[in-house]
Every structure is written in C-alpha cells, then in structure tokens.
Amino acid sequence: MVKILLVEDNEMNRDMLSRRLERRGYEVIIATDGLAGVEAAVSGRPDLVLMDMSLPVIDGWEATRRIKGNPVTAAIPVIALTAHAMAGDREKAMEAGCDDYDTKPIELPALLDKIVRLTGA
C-alpha cells in the first residue's frame, strides 16, 4: 500500500483530502505544520508527500528544502499544494525541491494522476 504524508494545516482540507485518498486505497499520515511534516517524513518514510505551502512553524517551501536536503528523505517525491496560483509560484515550488505542483481547490483526478506518475502506484 502506498503511504502518503499529507502536510496541511487547514482541518477541512486535511479531512476532505485524506478521506478521498483513503477511499482509493492509500494509507495517509498527517502533519499539521511544516516542522511536523519534516519529522513525519523522516519517521514515517512515506512514498510521497503532499505539501501545503502556507504552513505554521515553517512554511512548505522550507519544509520541502529540509526533506530534500536530508539523505534519508531526499528521494521522496513532494507535490506542492497551494492556493497561490500566481505567476512564479510553480517555479518557486520547483526550486524548493518539489517534484510537482497543484493548486487548490484540488481537482482529485489530476492529483491522482500525479501521485501515480510519481509513485508508480
């Protein structure tokens, strides 16, 4: 079973997305801030991280840099999830180390395609 770490501080977004992913057979672990996301990536060894970019403690860009900078977690694919759909935001996410980018509100079929492409499952 593919394990996905969902790093999301908004309870409604977190609940909706985690339930939809679980219904499709994914195991979902959750972190509610950027630092907890980095720690969960190390301890939980997920197959993929869905990273909100606007997070408390440390933002998603910094959390992604830390995940990608750690040899233990560097190979884990990260998809940026953000309501920021402004010019340059995709590039900023990719520069931080994200492997892909998706905007909110989430269009589940497109996100699932990205998850399959990055995990092979």
PDB file of N, CA and C in Angstrom:
ATOM      1  N   MET A   1       0.838  -1.180   0.000  1.00  0.00           N
ATOM      2  CA  MET A   1       0.000   0.000   0.000  1.00  0.00           C
ATOM      3  C   MET A   1       0.887   1.249   0.000  1.00  0.00           C
ATOM      4  N   VAL A   2       0.574   2.193  -0.865  1.00  0.00           N
ATOM      5  CA  VAL A   2       1.323   3.438  -0.951  1.00  0.00           C
ATOM      6  C   VAL A   2       0.960   4.322   0.241  1.00  0.00           C
ATOM      7  N   LYS A   3       1.997   4.846   0.893  1.00  0.00           N
ATOM      8  CA  LYS A   3       1.802   5.710   2.056  1.00  0.00           C
ATOM      9  C   LYS A   3       2.061   7.159   1.644  1.00  0.00           C
ATOM     10  N   ILE A   4       1.075   8.012   1.917  1.00  0.00           N
ATOM     11  CA  ILE A   4       1.167   9.431   1.576  1.00  0.00           C
ATOM     12  C   ILE A   4       1.172  10.253   2.855  1.00  0.00           C
ATOM     13  N   LEU A   5       2.147  11.143   2.949  1.00  0.00           N
ATOM     14  CA  LEU A   5       2.177  12.119   4.043  1.00  0.00           C
ATOM     15  C   LEU A   5       1.487  13.376   3.549  1.00  0.00           C
ATOM     16  N   LEU A   6       0.404  13.754   4.219  1.00  0.00           N
ATOM     17  CA  LEU A   6      -0.336  14.977   3.904  1.00  0.00           C
ATOM     18  C   LEU A   6       0.024  16.023   4.949  1.00  0.00           C
ATOM     19  N   VAL A   7       0.692  17.086   4.512  1.00  0.00           N
ATOM     20  CA  VAL A   7       1.079  18.172   5.405  1.00  0.00           C
ATOM     21  C   VAL A   7       0.144  19.336   5.102  1.00  0.00           C
ATOM     22  N   GLU A   8      -0.836  19.541   5.967  1.00  0.00           N
ATOM     23  CA  GLU A   8      -1.906  20.512   5.730  1.00  0.00           C
ATOM     24  C   GLU A   8      -2.411  21.027   7.063  1.00  0.00           C
ATOM     25  N   ASP A   9      -2.450  22.347   7.228  1.00  0.00           N
ATOM     26  CA  ASP A   9      -2.901  22.915   8.499  1.00  0.00           C
ATOM     27  C   ASP A   9      -4.400  23.183   8.543  1.00  0.00           C
ATOM     28  N   ASN A  10      -5.061  23.244   7.386  1.00  0.00           N
ATOM     29  CA  ASN A  10      -6.489  23.513   7.353  1.00  0.00           C
ATOM     30  C   ASN A  10      -7.260  22.214   7.575  1.00  0.00           C
ATOM     31  N   GLU A  11      -8.008  22.170   8.672  1.00  0.00           N
ATOM     32  CA  GLU A  11      -8.693  20.933   9.057  1.00  0.00           C
ATOM     33  C   GLU A  11      -9.661  20.443   7.992  1.00  0.00           C
ATOM     34  N   MET A  12     -10.421  21.344   7.389  1.00  0.00           N
ATOM     35  CA  MET A  12     -11.398  20.937   6.383  1.00  0.00           C
ATOM     36  C   MET A  12     -10.686  20.343   5.155  1.00  0.00           C
ATOM     37  N   ASN A  13      -9.635  21.001   4.681  1.00  0.00           N
ATOM     38  CA  ASN A  13      -8.877  20.478   3.539  1.00  0.00           C
ATOM     39  C   ASN A  13      -8.247  19.137   3.870  1.00  0.00           C
ATOM     40  N   ARG A  14      -7.671  19.044   5.060  1.00  0.00           N
ATOM     41  CA  ARG A  14      -6.998  17.825   5.511  1.00  0.00           C
ATOM     42  C   ARG A  14      -7.985  16.661   5.566  1.00  0.00           C
ATOM     43  N   ASP A  15      -9.134  16.891   6.173  1.00  0.00           N
ATOM     44  CA  ASP A  15     -10.139  15.840   6.331  1.00  0.00           C
ATOM     45  C   ASP A  15     -10.666  15.383   4.972  1.00  0.00           C
ATOM     46  N   MET A  16     -11.007  16.337   4.116  1.00  0.00           N
ATOM     47  CA  MET A  16     -11.568  16.013   2.810  1.00  0.00           C
ATOM     48  C   MET A  16     -10.568  15.230   1.967  1.00  0.00           C
ATOM     49  N   LEU A  17      -9.345  15.714   1.882  1.00  0.00           N
ATOM     50  CA  LEU A  17      -8.370  15.063   1.017  1.00  0.00           C
ATOM     51  C   LEU A  17      -7.934  13.706   1.571  1.00  0.00           C
ATOM     52  N   SER A  18      -7.724  13.616   2.869  1.00  0.00           N
ATOM     53  CA  SER A  18      -7.298  12.326   3.435  1.00  0.00           C
ATOM     54  C   SER A  18      -8.377  11.260   3.238  1.00  0.00           C
ATOM     55  N   ARG A  19      -9.634  11.616   3.425  1.00  0.00           N
ATOM     56  CA  ARG A  19     -10.709  10.633   3.222  1.00  0.00           C
ATOM     57  C   ARG A  19     -10.787  10.190   1.768  1.00  0.00           C
ATOM     58  N   ARG A  20     -10.642  11.123   0.850  1.00  0.00           N
ATOM     59  CA  ARG A  20     -10.714  10.779  -0.572  1.00  0.00           C
ATOM     60  C   ARG A  20      -9.548   9.877  -0.984  1.00  0.00           C
ATOM     61  N   LEU A  21      -8.375  10.131  -0.447  1.00  0.00           N
ATOM     62  CA  LEU A  21      -7.217   9.283  -0.756  1.00  0.00           C
ATOM     63  C   LEU A  21      -7.357   7.899  -0.135  1.00  0.00           C
ATOM     64  N   GLU A  22      -7.823   7.844   1.106  1.00  0.00           N
ATOM     65  CA  GLU A  22      -8.012   6.547   1.782  1.00  0.00           C
ATOM     66  C   GLU A  22      -9.033   5.696   1.045  1.00  0.00           C
ATOM     67  N   ARG A  23     -10.092   6.310   0.521  1.00  0.00           N
ATOM     68  CA  ARG A  23     -11.103   5.567  -0.244  1.00  0.00           C
ATOM     69  C   ARG A  23     -10.516   4.949  -1.509  1.00  0.00           C
ATOM     70  N   ARG A  24      -9.424   5.515  -1.988  1.00  0.00           N
ATOM     71  CA  ARG A  24      -8.761   4.988  -3.178  1.00  0.00           C
ATOM     72  C   ARG A  24      -7.619   4.039  -2.824  1.00  0.00           C
ATOM     73  N   GLY A  25      -7.523   3.661  -1.548  1.00  0.00           N
ATOM     74  CA  GLY A  25      -6.584   2.632  -1.147  1.00  0.00           C
ATOM     75  C   GLY A  25      -5.226   3.116  -0.668  1.00  0.00           C
ATOM     76  N   TYR A  26      -5.063   4.428  -0.506  1.00  0.00           N
ATOM     77  CA  TYR A  26      -3.798   4.946   0.002  1.00  0.00           C
ATOM     78  C   TYR A  26      -3.824   4.999   1.524  1.00  0.00           C
ATOM     79  N   GLU A  27      -2.670   4.753   2.132  1.00  0.00           N
ATOM     80  CA  GLU A  27      -2.504   4.985   3.570  1.00  0.00           C
ATOM     81  C   GLU A  27      -2.089   6.445   3.714  1.00  0.00           C
ATOM     82  N   VAL A  28      -2.759   7.182   4.592  1.00  0.00           N
ATOM     83  CA  VAL A  28      -2.466   8.607   4.746  1.00  0.00           C
ATOM     84  C   VAL A  28      -1.999   8.876   6.173  1.00  0.00           C
ATOM     85  N   ILE A  29      -0.836   9.513   6.284  1.00  0.00           N
ATOM     86  CA  ILE A  29      -0.381  10.025   7.571  1.00  0.00           C
ATOM     87  C   ILE A  29      -0.428  11.547   7.476  1.00  0.00           C
ATOM     88  N   ILE A  30      -0.643  12.197   8.601  1.00  0.00           N
ATOM     89  CA  ILE A  30      -0.927  13.634   8.598  1.00  0.00           C
ATOM     90  C   ILE A  30       0.025  14.394   9.503  1.00  0.00           C
ATOM     91  N   ALA A  31       0.415  15.562   9.024  1.00  0.00           N
ATOM     92  CA  ALA A  31       1.131  16.539   9.836  1.00  0.00           C
ATOM     93  C   ALA A  31       0.440  17.880   9.622  1.00  0.00           C
ATOM     94  N   THR A  32       0.385  18.695  10.677  1.00  0.00           N
ATOM     95  CA  THR A  32      -0.376  19.942  10.598  1.00  0.00           C
ATOM     96  C   THR A  32       0.484  21.202  10.533  1.00  0.00           C
ATOM     97  N   ASP A  33       1.805  21.039  10.527  1.00  0.00           N
ATOM     98  CA  ASP A  33       2.684  22.189  10.315  1.00  0.00           C
ATOM     99  C   ASP A  33       3.939  21.703   9.607  1.00  0.00           C
ATOM    100  N   GLY A  34       4.737  22.646   9.118  1.00  0.00           N
ATOM    101  CA  GLY A  34       5.899  22.278   8.324  1.00  0.00           C
ATOM    102  C   GLY A  34       6.945  21.478   9.078  1.00  0.00           C
ATOM    103  N   LEU A  35       7.227  21.860  10.303  1.00  0.00           N
ATOM    104  CA  LEU A  35       8.228  21.135  11.080  1.00  0.00           C
ATOM    105  C   LEU A  35       7.766  19.711  11.373  1.00  0.00           C
ATOM    106  N   ALA A  36       6.501  19.560  11.738  1.00  0.00           N
ATOM    107  CA  ALA A  36       5.949  18.217  11.963  1.00  0.00           C
ATOM    108  C   ALA A  36       5.982  17.398  10.676  1.00  0.00           C
ATOM    109  N   GLY A  37       5.803  18.064   9.534  1.00  0.00           N
ATOM    110  CA  GLY A  37       5.883  17.378   8.251  1.00  0.00           C
ATOM    111  C   GLY A  37       7.276  16.824   7.988  1.00  0.00           C
ATOM    112  N   VAL A  38       8.302  17.619   8.273  1.00  0.00           N
ATOM    113  CA  VAL A  38       9.685  17.161   8.111  1.00  0.00           C
ATOM    114  C   VAL A  38       9.934  15.962   9.018  1.00  0.00           C
ATOM    115  N   GLU A  39       9.502  16.060  10.274  1.00  0.00           N
ATOM    116  CA  GLU A  39       9.701  14.964  11.229  1.00  0.00           C
ATOM    117  C   GLU A  39       8.945  13.711  10.797  1.00  0.00           C
ATOM    118  N   ALA A  40       7.715  13.883  10.295  1.00  0.00           N
ATOM    119  CA  ALA A  40       6.925  12.732   9.854  1.00  0.00           C
ATOM    120  C   ALA A  40       7.525  12.086   8.606  1.00  0.00           C
ATOM    121  N   ALA A  41       8.157  12.880   7.755  1.00  0.00           N
ATOM    122  CA  ALA A  41       8.815  12.309   6.573  1.00  0.00           C
ATOM    123  C   ALA A  41       9.968  11.406   6.992  1.00  0.00           C
ATOM    124  N   VAL A  42      10.718  11.831   8.011  1.00  0.00           N
ATOM    125  CA  VAL A  42      11.845  11.024   8.500  1.00  0.00           C
ATOM    126  C   VAL A  42      11.344   9.773   9.209  1.00  0.00           C
ATOM    127  N   SER A  43      10.387   9.939  10.110  1.00  0.00           N
ATOM    128  CA  SER A  43       9.936   8.801  10.921  1.00  0.00           C
ATOM    129  C   SER A  43       8.982   7.877  10.176  1.00  0.00           C
ATOM    130  N   GLY A  44       8.147   8.422   9.304  1.00  0.00           N
ATOM    131  CA  GLY A  44       7.120   7.611   8.641  1.00  0.00           C
ATOM    132  C   GLY A  44       7.524   7.051   7.300  1.00  0.00           C
ATOM    133  N   ARG A  45       8.603   7.591   6.713  1.00  0.00           N
ATOM    134  CA  ARG A  45       9.101   7.145   5.409  1.00  0.00           C
ATOM    135  C   ARG A  45       7.975   6.954   4.386  1.00  0.00           C
ATOM    136  N   PRO A  46       7.215   8.018   4.107  1.00  0.00           N
ATOM    137  CA  PRO A  46       6.130   7.877   3.128  1.00  0.00           C
ATOM    138  C   PRO A  46       6.671   7.679   1.721  1.00  0.00           C
ATOM    139  N   ASP A  47       5.799   7.225   0.839  1.00  0.00           N
ATOM    140  CA  ASP A  47       6.161   7.067  -0.572  1.00  0.00           C
ATOM    141  C   ASP A  47       6.048   8.390  -1.320  1.00  0.00           C
ATOM    142  N   LEU A  48       5.282   9.334  -0.744  1.00  0.00           N
ATOM    143  CA  LEU A  48       5.052  10.626  -1.382  1.00  0.00           C
ATOM    144  C   LEU A  48       4.586  11.613  -0.329  1.00  0.00           C
ATOM    145  N   VAL A  49       4.899  12.899  -0.520  1.00  0.00           N
ATOM    146  CA  VAL A  49       4.447  13.964   0.378  1.00  0.00           C
ATOM    147  C   VAL A  49       3.584  14.929  -0.411  1.00  0.00           C
ATOM    148  N   LEU A  50       2.407  15.233   0.129  1.00  0.00           N
ATOM    149  CA  LEU A  50       1.573  16.322  -0.374  1.00  0.00           C
ATOM    150  C   LEU A  50       1.791  17.482   0.587  1.00  0.00           C
ATOM    151  N   MET A  51       2.415  18.552   0.107  1.00  0.00           N
ATOM    152  CA  MET A  51       2.880  19.634   0.969  1.00  0.00           C
ATOM    153  C   MET A  51       2.134  20.935   0.692  1.00  0.00           C
ATOM    154  N   ASP A  52       1.308  21.349   1.665  1.00  0.00           N
ATOM    155  CA  ASP A  52       0.739  22.690   1.605  1.00  0.00           C
ATOM    156  C   ASP A  52       1.907  23.664   1.723  1.00  0.00           C
ATOM    157  N   MET A  53       1.839  24.779   1.059  1.00  0.00           N
ATOM    158  CA  MET A  53       2.955  25.727   1.101  1.00  0.00           C
ATOM    159  C   MET A  53       2.787  26.778   2.199  1.00  0.00           C
ATOM    160  N   SER A  54       1.552  27.084   2.576  1.00  0.00           N
ATOM    161  CA  SER A  54       1.295  28.081   3.623  1.00  0.00           C
ATOM    162  C   SER A  54       1.022  27.356   4.932  1.00  0.00           C
ATOM    163  N   LEU A  55       2.094  27.149   5.699  1.00  0.00           N
ATOM    164  CA  LEU A  55       2.007  26.366   6.927  1.00  0.00           C
ATOM    165  C   LEU A  55       2.574  27.144   8.100  1.00  0.00           C
ATOM    166  N   PRO A  56       2.099  26.822   9.316  1.00  0.00           N
ATOM    167  CA  PRO A  56       2.722  27.417  10.503  1.00  0.00           C
ATOM    168  C   PRO A  56       4.050  26.739  10.837  1.00  0.00           C
ATOM    169  N   VAL A  57       4.783  27.321  11.743  1.00  0.00           N
ATOM    170  CA  VAL A  57       6.079  26.908  12.270  1.00  0.00           C
ATOM    171  C   VAL A  57       7.165  27.116  11.204  1.00  0.00           C
ATOM    172  N   ILE A  58       7.203  26.284  10.166  1.00  0.00           N
ATOM    173  CA  ILE A  58       7.993  26.579   8.973  1.00  0.00           C
ATOM    174  C   ILE A  58       7.093  26.356   7.765  1.00  0.00           C
ATOM    175  N   ASP A  59       7.257  27.190   6.732  1.00  0.00           N
ATOM    176  CA  ASP A  59       6.372  27.063   5.575  1.00  0.00           C
ATOM    177  C   ASP A  59       6.739  25.844   4.727  1.00  0.00           C
ATOM    178  N   GLY A  60       5.901  25.558   3.765  1.00  0.00           N
ATOM    179  CA  GLY A  60       6.091  24.376   2.930  1.00  0.00           C
ATOM    180  C   GLY A  60       7.341  24.421   2.085  1.00  0.00           C
ATOM    181  N   TRP A  61       7.767  25.633   1.694  1.00  0.00           N
ATOM    182  CA  TRP A  61       8.991  25.739   0.913  1.00  0.00           C
ATOM    183  C   TRP A  61      10.190  25.295   1.756  1.00  0.00           C
ATOM    184  N   GLU A  62      10.268  25.794   2.981  1.00  0.00           N
ATOM    185  CA  GLU A  62      11.374  25.420   3.862  1.00  0.00           C
ATOM    186  C   GLU A  62      11.279  23.949   4.257  1.00  0.00           C
ATOM    187  N   ALA A  63      10.085  23.463   4.530  1.00  0.00           N
ATOM    188  CA  ALA A  63       9.910  22.052   4.878  1.00  0.00           C
ATOM    189  C   ALA A  63      10.380  21.157   3.726  1.00  0.00           C
ATOM    190  N   THR A  64      10.038  21.545   2.505  1.00  0.00           N
ATOM    191  CA  THR A  64      10.477  20.766   1.339  1.00  0.00           C
ATOM    192  C   THR A  64      11.990  20.797   1.205  1.00  0.00           C
ATOM    193  N   ARG A  65      12.602  21.972   1.383  1.00  0.00           N
ATOM    194  CA  ARG A  65      14.066  22.060   1.312  1.00  0.00           C
ATOM    195  C   ARG A  65      14.718  21.132   2.340  1.00  0.00           C
ATOM    196  N   ARG A  66      14.141  21.061   3.540  1.00  0.00           N
ATOM    197  CA  ARG A  66      14.702  20.196   4.583  1.00  0.00           C
ATOM    198  C   ARG A  66      14.530  18.722   4.236  1.00  0.00           C
ATOM    199  N   ILE A  67      13.366  18.363   3.689  1.00  0.00           N
ATOM    200  CA  ILE A  67      13.124  16.970   3.282  1.00  0.00           C
ATOM    201  C   ILE A  67      14.090  16.587   2.169  1.00  0.00           C
ATOM    202  N   LYS A  68      14.234  17.435   1.184  1.00  0.00           N
ATOM    203  CA  LYS A  68      15.106  17.140   0.042  1.00  0.00           C
ATOM    204  C   LYS A  68      16.586  17.237   0.415  1.00  0.00           C
ATOM    205  N   GLY A  69      16.903  17.969   1.467  1.00  0.00           N
ATOM    206  CA  GLY A  69      18.282  18.109   1.901  1.00  0.00           C
ATOM    207  C   GLY A  69      18.761  17.012   2.832  1.00  0.00           C
ATOM    208  N   ASN A  70      17.857  16.160   3.276  1.00  0.00           N
ATOM    209  CA  ASN A  70      18.197  15.067   4.187  1.00  0.00           C
ATOM    210  C   ASN A  70      18.376  13.790   3.361  1.00  0.00           C
ATOM    211  N   PRO A  71      19.537  13.132   3.434  1.00  0.00           N
ATOM    212  CA  PRO A  71      19.741  11.914   2.644  1.00  0.00           C
ATOM    213  C   PRO A  71      18.703  10.821   2.918  1.00  0.00           C
ATOM    214  N   VAL A  72      18.135  10.815   4.107  1.00  0.00           N
ATOM    215  CA  VAL A  72      17.133   9.803   4.465  1.00  0.00           C
ATOM    216  C   VAL A  72      15.828  10.011   3.692  1.00  0.00           C
ATOM    217  N   THR A  73      15.485  11.269   3.388  1.00  0.00           N
ATOM    218  CA  THR A  73      14.189  11.586   2.780  1.00  0.00           C
ATOM    219  C   THR A  73      14.303  12.232   1.401  1.00  0.00           C
ATOM    220  N   ALA A  74      15.510  12.449   0.917  1.00  0.00           N
ATOM    221  CA  ALA A  74      15.713  13.200  -0.329  1.00  0.00           C
ATOM    222  C   ALA A  74      15.001  12.608  -1.538  1.00  0.00           C
ATOM    223  N   ALA A  75      14.850  11.300  -1.579  1.00  0.00           N
ATOM    224  CA  ALA A  75      14.252  10.648  -2.744  1.00  0.00           C
ATOM    225  C   ALA A  75      12.725  10.624  -2.710  1.00  0.00           C
ATOM    226  N   ILE A  76      12.119  11.055  -1.606  1.00  0.00           N
ATOM    227  CA  ILE A  76      10.660  11.035  -1.507  1.00  0.00           C
ATOM    228  C   ILE A  76      10.090  12.155  -2.384  1.00  0.00           C
ATOM    229  N   PRO A  77       9.208  11.819  -3.333  1.00  0.00           N
ATOM    230  CA  PRO A  77       8.614  12.862  -4.163  1.00  0.00           C
ATOM    231  C   PRO A  77       7.707  13.773  -3.332  1.00  0.00           C
ATOM    232  N   VAL A  78       7.733  15.062  -3.652  1.00  0.00           N
ATOM    233  CA  VAL A  78       6.904  16.057  -2.969  1.00  0.00           C
ATOM    234  C   VAL A  78       6.066  16.784  -4.013  1.00  0.00           C
ATOM    235  N   ILE A  79       4.760  16.826  -3.770  1.00  0.00           N
ATOM    236  CA  ILE A  79       3.857  17.626  -4.599  1.00  0.00           C
ATOM    237  C   ILE A  79       3.424  18.826  -3.776  1.00  0.00           C
ATOM    238  N   ALA A  80       3.698  20.022  -4.284  1.00  0.00           N
ATOM    239  CA  ALA A  80       3.261  21.251  -3.625  1.00  0.00           C
ATOM    240  C   ALA A  80       1.767  21.421  -3.838  1.00  0.00           C
ATOM    241  N   LEU A  81       1.054  21.748  -2.768  1.00  0.00           N
ATOM    242  CA  LEU A  81      -0.368  22.082  -2.846  1.00  0.00           C
ATOM    243  C   LEU A  81      -0.520  23.516  -2.358  1.00  0.00           C
ATOM    244  N   THR A  82      -1.053  24.367  -3.197  1.00  0.00           N
ATOM    245  CA  THR A  82      -1.144  25.757  -2.784  1.00  0.00           C
ATOM    246  C   THR A  82      -2.316  26.477  -3.409  1.00  0.00           C
ATOM    247  N   ALA A  83      -2.845  27.398  -2.645  1.00  0.00           N
ATOM    248  CA  ALA A  83      -3.879  28.293  -3.158  1.00  0.00           C
ATOM    249  C   ALA A  83      -3.228  29.436  -3.921  1.00  0.00           C
ATOM    250  N   HIS A  84      -1.910  29.560  -3.800  1.00  0.00           N
ATOM    251  CA  HIS A  84      -1.169  30.601  -4.506  1.00  0.00           C
ATOM    252  C   HIS A  84      -0.987  30.171  -5.951  1.00  0.00           C
ATOM    253  N   ALA A  85      -1.766  30.730  -6.828  1.00  0.00           N
ATOM    254  CA  ALA A  85      -1.677  30.367  -8.239  1.00  0.00           C
ATOM    255  C   ALA A  85      -1.139  31.550  -9.035  1.00  0.00           C
ATOM    256  N   MET A  86      -0.234  32.289  -8.434  1.00  0.00           N
ATOM    257  CA  MET A  86       0.299  33.471  -9.084  1.00  0.00           C
ATOM    258  C   MET A  86       1.507  33.090  -9.935  1.00  0.00           C
ATOM    259  N   ALA A  87       1.825  33.951 -10.877  1.00  0.00           N
ATOM    260  CA  ALA A  87       2.985  33.724 -11.737  1.00  0.00           C
ATOM    261  C   ALA A  87       4.223  33.549 -10.866  1.00  0.00           C
ATOM    262  N   GLY A  88       4.995  32.542 -11.167  1.00  0.00           N
ATOM    263  CA  GLY A  88       6.224  32.305 -10.435  1.00  0.00           C
ATOM    264  C   GLY A  88       6.090  31.334  -9.275  1.00  0.00           C
ATOM    265  N   ASP A  89       4.868  31.040  -8.829  1.00  0.00           N
ATOM    266  CA  ASP A  89       4.701  30.145  -7.686  1.00  0.00           C
ATOM    267  C   ASP A  89       5.124  28.715  -8.012  1.00  0.00           C
ATOM    268  N   ARG A  90       4.800  28.254  -9.210  1.00  0.00           N
ATOM    269  CA  ARG A  90       5.215  26.904  -9.608  1.00  0.00           C
ATOM    270  C   ARG A  90       6.747  26.817  -9.607  1.00  0.00           C
ATOM    271  N   GLU A  91       7.401  27.825 -10.185  1.00  0.00           N
ATOM    272  CA  GLU A  91       8.856  27.838 -10.238  1.00  0.00           C
ATOM    273  C   GLU A  91       9.445  27.873  -8.830  1.00  0.00           C
ATOM    274  N   LYS A  92       8.840  28.658  -7.945  1.00  0.00           N
ATOM    275  CA  LYS A  92       9.328  28.744  -6.561  1.00  0.00           C
ATOM    276  C   LYS A  92       9.237  27.375  -5.882  1.00  0.00           C
ATOM    277  N   ALA A  93       8.129  26.666  -6.106  1.00  0.00           N
ATOM    278  CA  ALA A  93       7.963  25.331  -5.520  1.00  0.00           C
ATOM    279  C   ALA A  93       8.991  24.359  -6.080  1.00  0.00           C
ATOM    280  N   MET A  94       9.229  24.418  -7.387  1.00  0.00           N
ATOM    281  CA  MET A  94      10.186  23.508  -8.000  1.00  0.00           C
ATOM    282  C   MET A  94      11.607  23.824  -7.517  1.00  0.00           C
ATOM    283  N   GLU A  95      11.916  25.112  -7.357  1.00  0.00           N
ATOM    284  CA  GLU A  95      13.238  25.490  -6.848  1.00  0.00           C
ATOM    285  C   GLU A  95      13.453  24.990  -5.415  1.00  0.00           C
ATOM    286  N   ALA A  96      12.371  24.901  -4.637  1.00  0.00           N
ATOM    287  CA  ALA A  96      12.474  24.397  -3.262  1.00  0.00           C
ATOM    288  C   ALA A  96      12.690  22.884  -3.241  1.00  0.00           C
ATOM    289  N   GLY A  97      12.464  22.227  -4.387  1.00  0.00           N
ATOM    290  CA  GLY A  97      12.689  20.789  -4.467  1.00  0.00           C
ATOM    291  C   GLY A  97      11.444  19.967  -4.747  1.00  0.00           C
ATOM    292  N   CYS A  98      10.302  20.623  -4.912  1.00  0.00           N
ATOM    293  CA  CYS A  98       9.076  19.877  -5.206  1.00  0.00           C
ATOM    294  C   CYS A  98       9.200  19.186  -6.555  1.00  0.00           C
ATOM    295  N   ASP A  99       8.587  18.020  -6.656  1.00  0.00           N
ATOM    296  CA  ASP A  99       8.613  17.252  -7.886  1.00  0.00           C
ATOM    297  C   ASP A  99       7.445  17.582  -8.797  1.00  0.00           C
ATOM    298  N   ASP A 100       6.395  18.169  -8.213  1.00  0.00           N
ATOM    299  CA  ASP A 100       5.237  18.606  -8.986  1.00  0.00           C
ATOM    300  C   ASP A 100       4.496  19.645  -8.178  1.00  0.00           C
ATOM    301  N   TYR A 101       3.435  20.177  -8.750  1.00  0.00           N
ATOM    302  CA  TYR A 101       2.742  21.331  -8.184  1.00  0.00           C
ATOM    303  C   TYR A 101       1.265  21.208  -8.525  1.00  0.00           C
ATOM    304  N   ASP A 102       0.405  21.524  -7.573  1.00  0.00           N
ATOM    305  CA  ASP A 102      -1.034  21.519  -7.831  1.00  0.00           C
ATOM    306  C   ASP A 102      -1.663  22.666  -7.058  1.00  0.00           C
ATOM    307  N   THR A 103      -2.684  23.253  -7.643  1.00  0.00           N
ATOM    308  CA  THR A 103      -3.345  24.380  -6.993  1.00  0.00           C
ATOM    309  C   THR A 103      -4.623  23.926  -6.302  1.00  0.00           C
ATOM    310  N   LYS A 104      -5.012  24.705  -5.298  1.00  0.00           N
ATOM    311  CA  LYS A 104      -6.274  24.482  -4.605  1.00  0.00           C
ATOM    312  C   LYS A 104      -7.307  25.411  -5.235  1.00  0.00           C
ATOM    313  N   PRO A 105      -8.562  25.002  -5.289  1.00  0.00           N
ATOM    314  CA  PRO A 105      -9.071  23.719  -4.796  1.00  0.00           C
ATOM    315  C   PRO A 105      -8.548  22.558  -5.640  1.00  0.00           C
ATOM    316  N   ILE A 106      -8.332  21.452  -4.949  1.00  0.00           N
ATOM    317  CA  ILE A 106      -7.756  20.265  -5.573  1.00  0.00           C
ATOM    318  C   ILE A 106      -8.744  19.646  -6.553  1.00  0.00           C
ATOM    319  N   GLU A 107      -8.256  19.342  -7.746  1.00  0.00           N
ATOM    320  CA  GLU A 107      -9.018  18.537  -8.704  1.00  0.00           C
ATOM    321  C   GLU A 107      -8.474  17.120  -8.569  1.00  0.00           C
ATOM    322  N   LEU A 108      -9.226  16.271  -7.883  1.00  0.00           N
ATOM    323  CA  LEU A 108      -8.725  14.953  -7.493  1.00  0.00           C
ATOM    324  C   LEU A 108      -8.213  14.106  -8.658  1.00  0.00           C
ATOM    325  N   PRO A 109      -8.917  14.014  -9.788  1.00  0.00           N
ATOM    326  CA  PRO A 109      -8.377  13.169 -10.870  1.00  0.00           C
ATOM    327  C   PRO A 109      -6.978  13.600 -11.320  1.00  0.00           C
ATOM    328  N   ALA A 110      -6.738  14.895 -11.424  1.00  0.00           N
ATOM    329  CA  ALA A 110      -5.415  15.386 -11.833  1.00  0.00           C
ATOM    330  C   ALA A 110      -4.377  15.076 -10.758  1.00  0.00           C
ATOM    331  N   LEU A 111      -4.739  15.250  -9.486  1.00  0.00           N
ATOM    332  CA  LEU A 111      -3.808  14.946  -8.401  1.00  0.00           C
ATOM    333  C   LEU A 111      -3.499  13.456  -8.361  1.00  0.00           C
ATOM    334  N   LEU A 112      -4.496  12.622  -8.538  1.00  0.00           N
ATOM    335  CA  LEU A 112      -4.276  11.176  -8.543  1.00  0.00           C
ATOM    336  C   LEU A 112      -3.336  10.768  -9.677  1.00  0.00           C
ATOM    337  N   ASP A 113      -3.470  11.403 -10.838  1.00  0.00           N
ATOM    338  CA  ASP A 113      -2.563  11.119 -11.952  1.00  0.00           C
ATOM    339  C   ASP A 113      -1.120  11.435 -11.561  1.00  0.00           C
ATOM    340  N   LYS A 114      -0.917  12.551 -10.871  1.00  0.00           N
ATOM    341  CA  LYS A 114       0.421  12.943 -10.439  1.00  0.00           C
ATOM    342  C   LYS A 114       0.970  11.958  -9.406  1.00  0.00           C
ATOM    343  N   ILE A 115       0.109  11.530  -8.489  1.00  0.00           N
ATOM    344  CA  ILE A 115       0.530  10.563  -7.472  1.00  0.00           C
ATOM    345  C   ILE A 115       0.965   9.261  -8.130  1.00  0.00           C
ATOM    346  N   VAL A 116       0.169   8.769  -9.071  1.00  0.00           N
ATOM    347  CA  VAL A 116       0.508   7.526  -9.778  1.00  0.00           C
ATOM    348  C   VAL A 116       1.817   7.688 -10.550  1.00  0.00           C
ATOM    349  N   ARG A 117       1.982   8.810 -11.218  1.00  0.00           N
ATOM    350  CA  ARG A 117       3.197   9.039 -12.002  1.00  0.00           C
ATOM    351  C   ARG A 117       4.441   9.052 -11.120  1.00  0.00           C
ATOM    352  N   LEU A 118       4.325   9.654  -9.929  1.00  0.00           N
ATOM    353  CA  LEU A 118       5.483   9.795  -9.043  1.00  0.00           C
ATOM    354  C   LEU A 118       5.769   8.566  -8.182  1.00  0.00           C
ATOM    355  N   THR A 119       4.735   7.756  -7.928  1.00  0.00           N
ATOM    356  CA  THR A 119       4.929   6.567  -7.077  1.00  0.00           C
ATOM    357  C   THR A 119       4.876   5.264  -7.850  1.00  0.00           C
ATOM    358  N   GLY A 120       4.324   5.298  -9.043  1.00  0.00           N
ATOM    359  CA  GLY A 120       4.147   4.071  -9.808  1.00  0.00           C
ATOM    360  C   GLY A 120       2.972   3.246  -9.329  1.00  0.00           C
ATOM    361  N   ALA A 121       2.160   3.807  -8.411  1.00  0.00           N
ATOM    362  CA  ALA A 121       1.005   3.057  -7.881  1.00  0.00           C
ATOM    363  C   ALA A 121      -0.203   3.955  -7.735  1.00  0.00           C
TER     364      ALA A 121
END
